[in-house]
Amino acid sequence: METIGDRLETVVFTRKNGNHGVYLGTEPGVFAVVRVEGQTFRVRYGVDLDAPWCWEVEHVASCLAARSGKRWDLGMAAERLKLLVMRQGAWEPVWSTAEVPMEAFLAARSMGGRAHV
């Protein structure tokens, strides 16, 4: 199963939108801004900033960040950050919506299906 770190790495390195997430571009001092699983992250590359760490992943909504000292640990930094943000209660829930034709909705209801609104 793909982790959020795998998805974040894919979007950062391909710089393309897709099933893994959305590439939102760059900012001054930021390597990439991406949205994965409904969460927005800023990714900084320490080599560009002459920093003692390699990657810093920041969760935009909570301003919490995790760093990695190795260049192949971007995904691990994202995983650590997810746990930290969830512990703080700042993980924004993602709600999915799907349009269902009325005929299908009524047929499902007659068979005991329920809708959550």
Protein backbone atom coordinates (compact mmCIF):
# COMPACT_ATOMS: atom_id res chain seq x y z
CA MET A 1 0.00 0.00 0.00
CA GLU A 2 1.27 3.45 -0.88
CA THR A 3 2.00 5.76 2.02
CA ILE A 4 1.62 9.51 2.09
CA GLY A 5 5.41 9.72 1.89
CA ASP A 6 5.43 7.73 -1.35
CA ARG A 7 2.77 9.97 -2.83
CA LEU A 8 4.50 13.16 -1.73
CA GLU A 9 7.82 12.00 -3.22
CA THR A 10 6.13 11.13 -6.52
CA VAL A 11 4.49 14.53 -6.86
CA VAL A 12 7.62 16.45 -5.78
CA PHE A 13 9.97 14.64 -8.17
CA THR A 14 7.64 14.44 -11.18
CA ARG A 15 6.22 17.94 -10.64
CA LYS A 16 2.96 16.77 -12.20
CA ASN A 17 -0.63 16.42 -11.05
CA GLY A 18 -2.07 12.94 -10.97
CA ASN A 19 -3.50 10.20 -8.80
CA HIS A 20 -0.84 10.80 -6.17
CA GLY A 21 -1.57 14.49 -5.58
CA VAL A 22 -1.40 18.00 -6.96
CA TYR A 23 1.76 19.96 -7.71
CA LEU A 24 1.14 23.59 -6.71
CA GLY A 25 4.49 25.08 -7.78
CA THR A 26 7.31 26.69 -5.85
CA GLU A 27 7.84 29.69 -3.59
CA PRO A 28 11.00 31.60 -2.66
CA GLY A 29 13.10 29.25 -0.53
CA VAL A 30 10.71 26.35 -1.13
CA PHE A 31 11.56 23.43 -3.43
CA ALA A 32 7.91 22.43 -4.01
CA VAL A 33 4.39 23.01 -2.70
CA VAL A 34 2.14 19.99 -3.07
CA ARG A 35 -1.30 18.78 -1.99
CA VAL A 36 -1.53 15.11 -1.08
CA GLU A 37 -4.59 13.47 0.49
CA GLY A 38 -6.19 16.89 0.86
CA GLN A 39 -3.26 18.26 2.88
CA THR A 40 -0.92 21.00 1.63
CA PHE A 41 2.82 20.66 2.23
CA ARG A 42 5.85 22.87 1.60
CA VAL A 43 9.01 20.92 0.84
CA ARG A 44 12.39 22.59 1.33
CA TYR A 45 15.67 21.18 0.03
CA GLY A 46 18.46 21.90 2.52
CA VAL A 47 21.25 21.76 -0.04
CA ASP A 48 19.72 24.76 -1.83
CA LEU A 49 19.56 26.65 1.49
CA ASP A 50 22.99 25.54 2.78
CA ALA A 51 21.28 23.95 5.82
CA PRO A 52 22.50 21.06 8.02
CA TRP A 53 19.50 18.93 6.95
CA CYS A 54 18.55 17.61 3.52
CA TRP A 55 14.72 17.78 3.44
CA GLU A 56 12.15 19.70 5.47
CA VAL A 57 8.46 18.94 5.00
CA GLU A 58 6.02 21.49 6.47
CA HIS A 59 2.29 20.93 6.94
CA VAL A 60 0.87 24.30 5.90
CA ALA A 61 -2.32 24.25 8.02
CA SER A 62 -0.51 23.52 11.29
CA CYS A 63 2.95 25.00 10.51
CA LEU A 64 4.50 21.81 11.95
CA ALA A 65 7.55 20.42 10.15
CA ALA A 66 9.78 17.34 10.05
CA ARG A 67 13.33 17.14 8.75
CA SER A 68 15.51 14.46 7.25
CA GLY A 69 19.28 14.39 7.16
CA LYS A 70 19.56 12.02 4.20
CA ARG A 71 18.60 12.77 0.63
CA TRP A 72 16.63 9.53 0.21
CA ASP A 73 14.48 10.10 3.31
CA LEU A 74 11.93 12.62 1.99
CA GLY A 75 9.11 10.08 2.28
CA MET A 76 10.10 9.17 5.85
CA ALA A 77 10.06 12.83 6.87
CA ALA A 78 6.53 13.09 5.45
CA GLU A 79 5.44 10.00 7.42
CA ARG A 80 6.87 11.39 10.68
CA LEU A 81 5.15 14.69 10.01
CA LYS A 82 1.79 12.99 9.41
CA LEU A 83 1.99 11.27 12.81
CA LEU A 84 2.99 14.53 14.53
CA VAL A 85 0.17 16.51 12.91
CA MET A 86 -2.40 13.80 13.71
CA ARG A 87 -1.25 13.76 17.35
CA GLN A 88 -1.77 17.53 17.48
CA GLY A 89 -5.26 17.11 15.98
CA ALA A 90 -4.49 19.37 13.03
CA TRP A 91 -4.98 16.82 10.23
CA GLU A 92 -7.73 18.19 8.00
CA PRO A 93 -10.30 15.53 7.15
CA VAL A 94 -10.86 14.81 3.49
CA TRP A 95 -14.47 14.38 2.47
CA SER A 96 -15.21 12.67 -0.77
CA THR A 97 -18.35 13.33 -2.70
CA ALA A 98 -19.79 11.45 -5.60
CA GLU A 99 -22.78 12.22 -7.71
CA VAL A 100 -25.26 9.37 -7.76
CA PRO A 101 -28.16 9.27 -10.21
CA MET A 102 -31.53 9.53 -8.42
CA GLU A 103 -32.68 6.18 -9.85
CA ALA A 104 -29.68 4.39 -8.37
CA PHE A 105 -30.14 6.19 -5.04
CA LEU A 106 -33.81 5.20 -4.81
CA ALA A 107 -33.05 1.61 -5.84
CA ALA A 108 -30.36 1.34 -3.16
CA ARG A 109 -32.70 2.84 -0.57
CA SER A 110 -35.39 0.29 -1.33
CA MET A 111 -32.81 -2.44 -0.60
CA GLY A 112 -31.80 -0.89 2.74
CA GLY A 113 -29.01 1.45 1.60
CA ARG A 114 -28.45 4.71 3.46
CA ALA A 115 -27.04 8.06 2.45
CA HIS A 116 -24.86 10.19 4.69
CA VAL A 117 -25.35 13.89 4.17
